[in-house]
Amino acid sequence: MAVLLSEENDMESEKQLDKMCQILHCITHLAVSTLKSLQQTYSGKDDKSTQVKLVVPQSLKEIAIIMHGVLPTLTNDRNSLKDDMCRLFETWWVWRLPGCEELMGNTIVYLLFKSTQAKSTKADVSRVKAVQKVLSAIELNSDNASVVVSLLLQCTYHHQFVNSPM
C-alpha cells in the first residue's frame, strides 16, 4: 500500500514539475520577446548622434534573476528549458543590460558544460565565446570557482575548441 501511495505521489510530483517547467518556458519566451520588442522600440527612436540605453522593467530583471537561480536545479532532461533560459541571459549580457553580471554565473557554467560534451557543436563554442569576457570577473583561485576551472581545462583540449578559430 505504501509503495502504491509513493508511486502516485511521484507521478503527481512529476506532473507538477512538468507544469512548472512549462510555465518557466513560457516566461522565458515572454522575457525574450519583451527584450526584442524593447530593442526595436528604442532602436527606432535612436538617431546616429545619441546612444539610447535600453530600459528594462525592474520586474523583468527580478524575474530573470530568479530564473537564473533556478537554472542549476534543472535536471538534464530539461535541457531545452535550460538552453532557452541561457539564451535569455546571453542576450542580457551581450546587450549589456542592467544586472547582466548577476545572470552570468550559472549561465557560463552551463555553456562551458554543454560545449565540452561529446556531441557539442561549433555553435555551442560560439555561445561561450560571445560571453567569454564574463570569465575575467571570476576569481579563478577561489574554492567556488573549481567547477569553472575544471570546465575551462576541458576546453583546452576539447576538439570543438581546438578546431575553432579565436
N, C-alpha and C. Protein backbone atom coordinates (compact mmCIF):
# COMPACT_ATOMS: atom_id res chain seq x y z
N MET A 1 0.82 -1.19 0.00
CA MET A 1 0.00 0.00 0.00
C MET A 1 0.87 1.26 0.00
N ALA A 2 1.91 1.26 0.84
CA ALA A 2 2.78 2.43 0.91
C ALA A 2 3.51 2.65 -0.41
N VAL A 3 3.86 1.55 -1.08
CA VAL A 3 4.53 1.66 -2.37
C VAL A 3 3.60 2.30 -3.39
N LEU A 4 2.35 1.91 -3.41
CA LEU A 4 1.38 2.49 -4.34
C LEU A 4 1.21 3.98 -4.08
N LEU A 5 1.11 4.37 -2.82
CA LEU A 5 0.97 5.79 -2.49
C LEU A 5 2.21 6.56 -2.91
N SER A 6 3.37 5.95 -2.70
CA SER A 6 4.62 6.60 -3.08
C SER A 6 4.68 6.80 -4.59
N GLU A 7 4.27 5.79 -5.36
CA GLU A 7 4.27 5.91 -6.82
C GLU A 7 3.28 6.96 -7.29
N GLU A 8 2.12 7.02 -6.65
CA GLU A 8 1.13 8.04 -7.00
C GLU A 8 1.67 9.43 -6.69
N ASN A 9 2.31 9.59 -5.54
CA ASN A 9 2.90 10.87 -5.18
C ASN A 9 4.01 11.26 -6.15
N ASP A 10 4.82 10.28 -6.55
CA ASP A 10 5.89 10.55 -7.52
C ASP A 10 5.31 11.00 -8.85
N MET A 11 4.25 10.33 -9.28
CA MET A 11 3.62 10.70 -10.56
C MET A 11 3.01 12.09 -10.46
N GLU A 12 2.39 12.39 -9.34
CA GLU A 12 1.79 13.71 -9.13
C GLU A 12 2.87 14.78 -9.07
N SER A 13 3.96 14.48 -8.39
CA SER A 13 5.08 15.43 -8.31
C SER A 13 5.67 15.67 -9.69
N GLU A 14 5.78 14.62 -10.48
CA GLU A 14 6.33 14.76 -11.84
C GLU A 14 5.41 15.61 -12.71
N LYS A 15 4.11 15.44 -12.55
CA LYS A 15 3.15 16.27 -13.31
C LYS A 15 3.28 17.73 -12.90
N GLN A 16 3.41 17.98 -11.60
CA GLN A 16 3.56 19.36 -11.12
C GLN A 16 4.86 19.96 -11.64
N LEU A 17 5.92 19.18 -11.63
CA LEU A 17 7.20 19.65 -12.13
C LEU A 17 7.11 19.97 -13.62
N ASP A 18 6.43 19.12 -14.38
CA ASP A 18 6.24 19.38 -15.81
C ASP A 18 5.48 20.69 -16.03
N LYS A 19 4.45 20.92 -15.24
CA LYS A 19 3.67 22.16 -15.36
C LYS A 19 4.53 23.38 -15.03
N MET A 20 5.32 23.27 -13.97
CA MET A 20 6.18 24.39 -13.59
C MET A 20 7.21 24.67 -14.68
N CYS A 21 7.75 23.63 -15.27
CA CYS A 21 8.72 23.83 -16.35
C CYS A 21 8.07 24.43 -17.59
N GLN A 22 6.85 24.04 -17.88
CA GLN A 22 6.12 24.66 -18.99
C GLN A 22 5.90 26.15 -18.72
N ILE A 23 5.56 26.47 -17.49
CA ILE A 23 5.37 27.88 -17.12
C ILE A 23 6.69 28.64 -17.25
N LEU A 24 7.78 28.05 -16.77
CA LEU A 24 9.10 28.68 -16.90
C LEU A 24 9.47 28.89 -18.37
N HIS A 25 9.14 27.91 -19.19
CA HIS A 25 9.40 28.04 -20.63
C HIS A 25 8.63 29.22 -21.21
N CYS A 26 7.37 29.35 -20.84
CA CYS A 26 6.54 30.47 -21.31
C CYS A 26 7.09 31.80 -20.82
N ILE A 27 7.49 31.86 -19.57
CA ILE A 27 8.05 33.09 -19.01
C ILE A 27 9.34 33.46 -19.75
N THR A 28 10.15 32.46 -20.04
CA THR A 28 11.40 32.71 -20.77
C THR A 28 11.12 33.29 -22.14
N HIS A 29 10.19 32.68 -22.87
CA HIS A 29 9.86 33.18 -24.21
C HIS A 29 9.26 34.59 -24.14
N LEU A 30 8.45 34.83 -23.14
CA LEU A 30 7.87 36.16 -22.95
C LEU A 30 8.96 37.19 -22.65
N ALA A 31 9.92 36.82 -21.83
CA ALA A 31 11.02 37.74 -21.49
C ALA A 31 11.86 38.06 -22.73
N VAL A 32 12.19 37.04 -23.52
CA VAL A 32 12.96 37.26 -24.74
C VAL A 32 12.19 38.16 -25.70
N SER A 33 10.91 37.89 -25.86
CA SER A 33 10.08 38.71 -26.75
C SER A 33 10.00 40.15 -26.25
N THR A 34 9.91 40.32 -24.95
CA THR A 34 9.86 41.67 -24.37
C THR A 34 11.15 42.42 -24.66
N LEU A 35 12.29 41.76 -24.46
CA LEU A 35 13.57 42.41 -24.74
C LEU A 35 13.70 42.80 -26.21
N LYS A 36 13.30 41.89 -27.09
CA LYS A 36 13.39 42.19 -28.53
C LYS A 36 12.47 43.34 -28.90
N SER A 37 11.29 43.36 -28.31
CA SER A 37 10.34 44.44 -28.57
C SER A 37 10.88 45.78 -28.07
N LEU A 38 11.45 45.76 -26.86
CA LEU A 38 12.04 46.99 -26.32
C LEU A 38 13.19 47.47 -27.19
N GLN A 39 14.00 46.53 -27.66
CA GLN A 39 15.13 46.91 -28.50
C GLN A 39 14.64 47.53 -29.81
N GLN A 40 13.62 46.95 -30.42
CA GLN A 40 13.07 47.50 -31.66
C GLN A 40 12.48 48.88 -31.42
N THR A 41 11.81 49.05 -30.30
CA THR A 41 11.22 50.35 -29.97
C THR A 41 12.30 51.41 -29.81
N TYR A 42 13.34 51.07 -29.04
CA TYR A 42 14.41 52.03 -28.80
C TYR A 42 15.26 52.27 -30.04
N SER A 43 15.52 51.23 -30.81
CA SER A 43 16.36 51.41 -32.00
C SER A 43 15.63 52.23 -33.05
N GLY A 44 14.31 52.21 -33.03
CA GLY A 44 13.53 53.04 -33.95
C GLY A 44 13.63 54.51 -33.61
N LYS A 45 13.84 54.83 -32.33
CA LYS A 45 13.94 56.22 -31.88
C LYS A 45 15.38 56.72 -31.90
N ASP A 46 16.31 55.81 -32.09
CA ASP A 46 17.72 56.15 -31.98
C ASP A 46 18.21 56.85 -33.25
N ASP A 47 18.83 58.01 -33.08
CA ASP A 47 19.50 58.62 -34.22
C ASP A 47 21.00 58.40 -34.07
N LYS A 48 21.75 58.75 -35.08
CA LYS A 48 23.18 58.44 -35.10
C LYS A 48 23.97 59.15 -34.01
N SER A 49 23.51 60.30 -33.56
CA SER A 49 24.29 61.09 -32.60
C SER A 49 24.05 60.69 -31.15
N THR A 50 22.97 60.01 -30.86
CA THR A 50 22.63 59.70 -29.47
C THR A 50 22.52 58.19 -29.29
N GLN A 51 23.20 57.69 -28.28
CA GLN A 51 23.11 56.28 -27.94
C GLN A 51 22.06 56.13 -26.84
N VAL A 52 20.96 55.47 -27.13
CA VAL A 52 19.88 55.31 -26.16
C VAL A 52 20.10 54.01 -25.39
N LYS A 53 20.05 54.11 -24.07
CA LYS A 53 20.21 52.94 -23.21
C LYS A 53 18.85 52.26 -23.05
N LEU A 54 18.81 50.98 -23.32
CA LEU A 54 17.58 50.21 -23.20
C LEU A 54 17.16 50.15 -21.73
N VAL A 55 15.92 50.50 -21.45
CA VAL A 55 15.40 50.48 -20.09
C VAL A 55 14.56 49.22 -19.91
N VAL A 56 15.02 48.38 -19.00
CA VAL A 56 14.34 47.12 -18.73
C VAL A 56 13.51 47.29 -17.47
N PRO A 57 12.24 46.90 -17.50
CA PRO A 57 11.42 46.99 -16.29
C PRO A 57 12.07 46.22 -15.13
N GLN A 58 12.01 46.78 -13.94
CA GLN A 58 12.60 46.16 -12.76
C GLN A 58 12.03 44.77 -12.52
N SER A 59 10.74 44.59 -12.76
CA SER A 59 10.12 43.28 -12.54
C SER A 59 10.70 42.23 -13.49
N LEU A 60 11.02 42.62 -14.72
CA LEU A 60 11.62 41.68 -15.66
C LEU A 60 13.03 41.28 -15.20
N LYS A 61 13.77 42.25 -14.71
CA LYS A 61 15.11 41.97 -14.18
C LYS A 61 15.02 41.01 -13.00
N GLU A 62 14.07 41.24 -12.10
CA GLU A 62 13.91 40.37 -10.93
C GLU A 62 13.52 38.95 -11.34
N ILE A 63 12.64 38.83 -12.32
CA ILE A 63 12.25 37.51 -12.82
C ILE A 63 13.45 36.79 -13.41
N ALA A 64 14.26 37.52 -14.18
CA ALA A 64 15.45 36.92 -14.79
C ALA A 64 16.42 36.43 -13.71
N ILE A 65 16.58 37.20 -12.65
CA ILE A 65 17.48 36.80 -11.56
C ILE A 65 16.96 35.54 -10.87
N ILE A 66 15.66 35.47 -10.65
CA ILE A 66 15.07 34.28 -10.03
C ILE A 66 15.27 33.07 -10.94
N MET A 67 15.02 33.25 -12.24
CA MET A 67 15.20 32.15 -13.19
C MET A 67 16.66 31.69 -13.22
N HIS A 68 17.57 32.64 -13.12
CA HIS A 68 19.00 32.29 -13.09
C HIS A 68 19.31 31.41 -11.88
N GLY A 69 18.65 31.68 -10.77
CA GLY A 69 18.83 30.85 -9.59
C GLY A 69 18.25 29.46 -9.75
N VAL A 70 17.22 29.34 -10.56
CA VAL A 70 16.57 28.05 -10.81
C VAL A 70 17.40 27.19 -11.77
N LEU A 71 18.14 27.83 -12.66
CA LEU A 71 18.87 27.13 -13.72
C LEU A 71 19.66 25.91 -13.25
N PRO A 72 20.51 26.02 -12.24
CA PRO A 72 21.30 24.83 -11.86
C PRO A 72 20.49 23.71 -11.22
N THR A 73 19.27 23.98 -10.82
CA THR A 73 18.45 22.94 -10.20
C THR A 73 17.72 22.09 -11.23
N LEU A 74 17.71 22.53 -12.47
CA LEU A 74 17.02 21.78 -13.52
C LEU A 74 17.85 20.57 -13.93
N THR A 75 17.18 19.45 -14.12
CA THR A 75 17.87 18.22 -14.49
C THR A 75 18.17 18.19 -15.99
N ASN A 76 18.98 17.23 -16.40
CA ASN A 76 19.40 17.14 -17.80
C ASN A 76 18.24 16.87 -18.75
N ASP A 77 17.15 16.30 -18.26
CA ASP A 77 16.01 16.08 -19.14
C ASP A 77 15.25 17.38 -19.43
N ARG A 78 15.69 18.46 -18.85
CA ARG A 78 15.10 19.79 -19.09
C ARG A 78 16.06 20.68 -19.90
N ASN A 79 16.87 20.07 -20.74
CA ASN A 79 17.88 20.82 -21.48
C ASN A 79 17.29 21.89 -22.39
N SER A 80 16.14 21.65 -22.95
CA SER A 80 15.51 22.65 -23.81
C SER A 80 15.20 23.92 -23.02
N LEU A 81 14.66 23.74 -21.84
CA LEU A 81 14.36 24.88 -20.97
C LEU A 81 15.65 25.57 -20.54
N LYS A 82 16.64 24.79 -20.13
CA LYS A 82 17.92 25.36 -19.70
C LYS A 82 18.54 26.17 -20.84
N ASP A 83 18.47 25.62 -22.04
CA ASP A 83 19.05 26.30 -23.20
C ASP A 83 18.34 27.62 -23.49
N ASP A 84 17.02 27.60 -23.44
CA ASP A 84 16.25 28.83 -23.69
C ASP A 84 16.53 29.88 -22.61
N MET A 85 16.61 29.44 -21.36
CA MET A 85 16.90 30.38 -20.28
C MET A 85 18.28 31.00 -20.49
N CYS A 86 19.25 30.19 -20.85
CA CYS A 86 20.61 30.71 -21.06
C CYS A 86 20.66 31.67 -22.24
N ARG A 87 19.87 31.42 -23.27
CA ARG A 87 19.82 32.36 -24.40
C ARG A 87 19.29 33.73 -23.94
N LEU A 88 18.34 33.72 -23.04
CA LEU A 88 17.85 34.97 -22.46
C LEU A 88 18.99 35.68 -21.72
N PHE A 89 19.71 34.95 -20.89
CA PHE A 89 20.79 35.55 -20.10
C PHE A 89 21.93 36.02 -21.00
N GLU A 90 22.20 35.26 -22.06
CA GLU A 90 23.24 35.67 -23.02
C GLU A 90 22.85 36.98 -23.70
N THR A 91 21.60 37.09 -24.10
CA THR A 91 21.11 38.32 -24.72
C THR A 91 21.28 39.48 -23.76
N TRP A 92 20.93 39.24 -22.51
CA TRP A 92 21.06 40.26 -21.46
C TRP A 92 22.51 40.73 -21.37
N TRP A 93 23.43 39.78 -21.43
CA TRP A 93 24.86 40.10 -21.32
C TRP A 93 25.35 40.85 -22.56
N VAL A 94 25.04 40.33 -23.72
CA VAL A 94 25.53 40.92 -24.98
C VAL A 94 25.01 42.35 -25.14
N TRP A 95 23.77 42.59 -24.73
CA TRP A 95 23.19 43.93 -24.83
C TRP A 95 23.59 44.81 -23.66
N ARG A 96 24.36 44.24 -22.72
CA ARG A 96 24.85 44.98 -21.55
C ARG A 96 23.71 45.65 -20.77
N LEU A 97 22.67 44.90 -20.55
CA LEU A 97 21.52 45.41 -19.81
C LEU A 97 21.83 45.44 -18.32
N PRO A 98 21.14 46.29 -17.57
CA PRO A 98 21.38 46.38 -16.13
C PRO A 98 21.20 45.02 -15.44
N GLY A 99 22.17 44.66 -14.62
CA GLY A 99 22.11 43.39 -13.91
C GLY A 99 22.67 42.22 -14.69
N CYS A 100 23.30 42.48 -15.83
CA CYS A 100 23.78 41.38 -16.67
C CYS A 100 24.80 40.50 -15.94
N GLU A 101 25.61 41.09 -15.08
CA GLU A 101 26.61 40.32 -14.36
C GLU A 101 25.96 39.29 -13.43
N GLU A 102 24.82 39.65 -12.87
CA GLU A 102 24.12 38.76 -11.95
C GLU A 102 23.57 37.52 -12.64
N LEU A 103 23.44 37.58 -13.96
CA LEU A 103 22.82 36.48 -14.70
C LEU A 103 23.84 35.56 -15.37
N MET A 104 25.11 35.76 -15.10
CA MET A 104 26.10 35.01 -15.86
C MET A 104 26.81 33.89 -15.11
N GLY A 105 26.75 33.85 -13.80
CA GLY A 105 27.46 32.80 -13.05
C GLY A 105 27.03 31.41 -13.46
N ASN A 106 25.77 31.10 -13.31
CA ASN A 106 25.25 29.78 -13.68
C ASN A 106 25.22 29.60 -15.19
N THR A 107 25.07 30.70 -15.91
CA THR A 107 25.00 30.63 -17.37
C THR A 107 26.32 30.17 -17.95
N ILE A 108 27.43 30.75 -17.50
CA ILE A 108 28.73 30.36 -18.06
C ILE A 108 29.05 28.91 -17.71
N VAL A 109 28.66 28.46 -16.53
CA VAL A 109 28.88 27.06 -16.16
C VAL A 109 28.10 26.15 -17.11
N TYR A 110 26.84 26.48 -17.37
CA TYR A 110 26.02 25.68 -18.29
C TYR A 110 26.63 25.67 -19.69
N LEU A 111 27.03 26.85 -20.18
CA LEU A 111 27.57 26.94 -21.53
C LEU A 111 28.89 26.17 -21.66
N LEU A 112 29.75 26.29 -20.66
CA LEU A 112 31.01 25.54 -20.69
C LEU A 112 30.75 24.04 -20.64
N PHE A 113 29.83 23.63 -19.77
CA PHE A 113 29.50 22.21 -19.67
C PHE A 113 28.96 21.69 -20.99
N LYS A 114 28.02 22.42 -21.57
CA LYS A 114 27.40 21.98 -22.82
C LYS A 114 28.42 21.92 -23.95
N SER A 115 29.32 22.88 -23.99
CA SER A 115 30.29 22.93 -25.09
C SER A 115 31.42 21.92 -24.95
N THR A 116 31.56 21.29 -23.80
CA THR A 116 32.61 20.29 -23.62
C THR A 116 32.07 18.86 -23.66
N GLN A 117 30.81 18.71 -24.00
CA GLN A 117 30.23 17.38 -24.13
C GLN A 117 30.65 16.76 -25.46
N ALA A 118 30.54 15.45 -25.56
CA ALA A 118 30.97 14.74 -26.77
C ALA A 118 30.22 15.21 -28.02
N LYS A 119 28.96 15.53 -27.87
CA LYS A 119 28.16 15.94 -29.03
C LYS A 119 28.01 17.45 -29.15
N SER A 120 28.96 18.18 -28.62
CA SER A 120 28.87 19.64 -28.72
C SER A 120 29.09 20.08 -30.17
N THR A 121 28.64 21.29 -30.45
CA THR A 121 28.75 21.83 -31.81
C THR A 121 29.57 23.12 -31.80
N LYS A 122 29.90 23.58 -32.98
CA LYS A 122 30.61 24.86 -33.08
C LYS A 122 29.73 26.00 -32.57
N ALA A 123 28.42 25.85 -32.72
CA ALA A 123 27.51 26.86 -32.20
C ALA A 123 27.62 26.96 -30.68
N ASP A 124 27.81 25.83 -30.01
CA ASP A 124 28.00 25.84 -28.55
C ASP A 124 29.25 26.61 -28.17
N VAL A 125 30.32 26.40 -28.92
CA VAL A 125 31.58 27.11 -28.67
C VAL A 125 31.40 28.59 -28.95
N SER A 126 30.67 28.92 -30.01
CA SER A 126 30.41 30.33 -30.33
C SER A 126 29.65 31.03 -29.22
N ARG A 127 28.73 30.32 -28.59
CA ARG A 127 27.98 30.91 -27.48
C ARG A 127 28.91 31.22 -26.31
N VAL A 128 29.86 30.34 -26.04
CA VAL A 128 30.83 30.60 -24.97
C VAL A 128 31.67 31.81 -25.33
N LYS A 129 32.13 31.86 -26.56
CA LYS A 129 32.99 32.97 -26.99
C LYS A 129 32.26 34.31 -26.94
N ALA A 130 30.96 34.29 -27.17
CA ALA A 130 30.19 35.54 -27.14
C ALA A 130 30.14 36.15 -25.75
N VAL A 131 30.27 35.32 -24.73
CA VAL A 131 30.18 35.82 -23.35
C VAL A 131 31.48 35.60 -22.57
N GLN A 132 32.57 35.33 -23.26
CA GLN A 132 33.82 34.97 -22.59
C GLN A 132 34.36 36.06 -21.67
N LYS A 133 34.00 37.31 -21.90
CA LYS A 133 34.51 38.38 -21.04
C LYS A 133 34.02 38.26 -19.60
N VAL A 134 32.95 37.51 -19.39
CA VAL A 134 32.47 37.32 -18.03
C VAL A 134 33.50 36.54 -17.20
N LEU A 135 34.34 35.78 -17.86
CA LEU A 135 35.36 35.00 -17.15
C LEU A 135 36.36 35.89 -16.43
N SER A 136 36.57 37.09 -16.93
CA SER A 136 37.51 38.00 -16.27
C SER A 136 36.99 38.47 -14.91
N ALA A 137 35.70 38.34 -14.68
CA ALA A 137 35.11 38.75 -13.40
C ALA A 137 35.14 37.63 -12.36
N ILE A 138 35.54 36.45 -12.78
CA ILE A 138 35.57 35.30 -11.87
C ILE A 138 36.96 35.16 -11.27
N GLU A 139 37.02 35.07 -9.96
CA GLU A 139 38.30 34.84 -9.28
C GLU A 139 38.59 33.35 -9.33
N LEU A 140 39.42 32.96 -10.28
CA LEU A 140 39.66 31.55 -10.55
C LEU A 140 40.44 30.84 -9.44
N ASN A 141 41.05 31.57 -8.54
CA ASN A 141 41.79 30.96 -7.43
C ASN A 141 40.89 30.56 -6.26
N SER A 142 39.66 31.04 -6.25
CA SER A 142 38.78 30.74 -5.12
C SER A 142 38.24 29.32 -5.21
N ASP A 143 37.83 28.80 -4.06
CA ASP A 143 37.27 27.44 -4.00
C ASP A 143 35.96 27.35 -4.78
N ASN A 144 35.21 28.45 -4.83
CA ASN A 144 33.93 28.46 -5.52
C ASN A 144 34.08 28.31 -7.03
N ALA A 145 35.26 28.57 -7.55
CA ALA A 145 35.47 28.55 -9.00
C ALA A 145 35.99 27.21 -9.50
N SER A 146 36.05 26.20 -8.66
CA SER A 146 36.65 24.93 -9.06
C SER A 146 35.92 24.29 -10.25
N VAL A 147 34.60 24.41 -10.29
CA VAL A 147 33.84 23.85 -11.41
C VAL A 147 34.19 24.57 -12.70
N VAL A 148 34.25 25.89 -12.64
CA VAL A 148 34.58 26.69 -13.82
C VAL A 148 36.00 26.37 -14.29
N VAL A 149 36.93 26.28 -13.37
CA VAL A 149 38.32 25.97 -13.72
C VAL A 149 38.41 24.61 -14.39
N SER A 150 37.72 23.63 -13.83
CA SER A 150 37.71 22.29 -14.41
C SER A 150 37.15 22.31 -15.84
N LEU A 151 36.06 23.03 -16.04
CA LEU A 151 35.46 23.12 -17.37
C LEU A 151 36.37 23.86 -18.34
N LEU A 152 37.04 24.91 -17.87
CA LEU A 152 37.98 25.64 -18.72
C LEU A 152 39.14 24.75 -19.14
N LEU A 153 39.62 23.92 -18.23
CA LEU A 153 40.68 22.98 -18.58
C LEU A 153 40.21 21.99 -19.64
N GLN A 154 38.97 21.54 -19.53
CA GLN A 154 38.43 20.64 -20.55
C GLN A 154 38.36 21.33 -21.91
N CYS A 155 38.09 22.62 -21.90
CA CYS A 155 38.02 23.38 -23.15
C CYS A 155 39.36 23.39 -23.88
N THR A 156 40.45 23.36 -23.13
CA THR A 156 41.77 23.47 -23.75
C THR A 156 42.12 22.29 -24.65
N TYR A 157 41.48 21.16 -24.44
CA TYR A 157 41.76 20.01 -25.30
C TYR A 157 40.52 19.45 -25.99
N HIS A 158 39.39 20.10 -25.84
CA HIS A 158 38.18 19.62 -26.50
C HIS A 158 38.24 19.96 -27.98
N HIS A 159 37.86 19.00 -28.82
CA HIS A 159 38.01 19.17 -30.27
C HIS A 159 37.28 20.39 -30.83
N GLN A 160 36.13 20.74 -30.29
CA GLN A 160 35.40 21.90 -30.82
C GLN A 160 36.15 23.20 -30.53
N PHE A 161 36.79 23.29 -29.39
CA PHE A 161 37.55 24.50 -29.05
C PHE A 161 38.87 24.54 -29.80
N VAL A 162 39.52 23.40 -29.89
CA VAL A 162 40.82 23.34 -30.57
C VAL A 162 40.67 23.69 -32.05
N ASN A 163 39.60 23.24 -32.67
CA ASN A 163 39.40 23.45 -34.11
C ASN A 163 38.70 24.76 -34.45
N SER A 164 38.23 25.49 -33.45
CA SER A 164 37.51 26.74 -33.71
C SER A 164 38.47 27.91 -33.70
N PRO A 165 38.34 28.80 -34.68
CA PRO A 165 39.21 29.99 -34.67
C PRO A 165 38.81 30.92 -33.54
N MET A 166 39.78 31.58 -32.98
CA MET A 166 39.52 32.54 -31.91
C MET A 166 39.03 33.79 -32.55
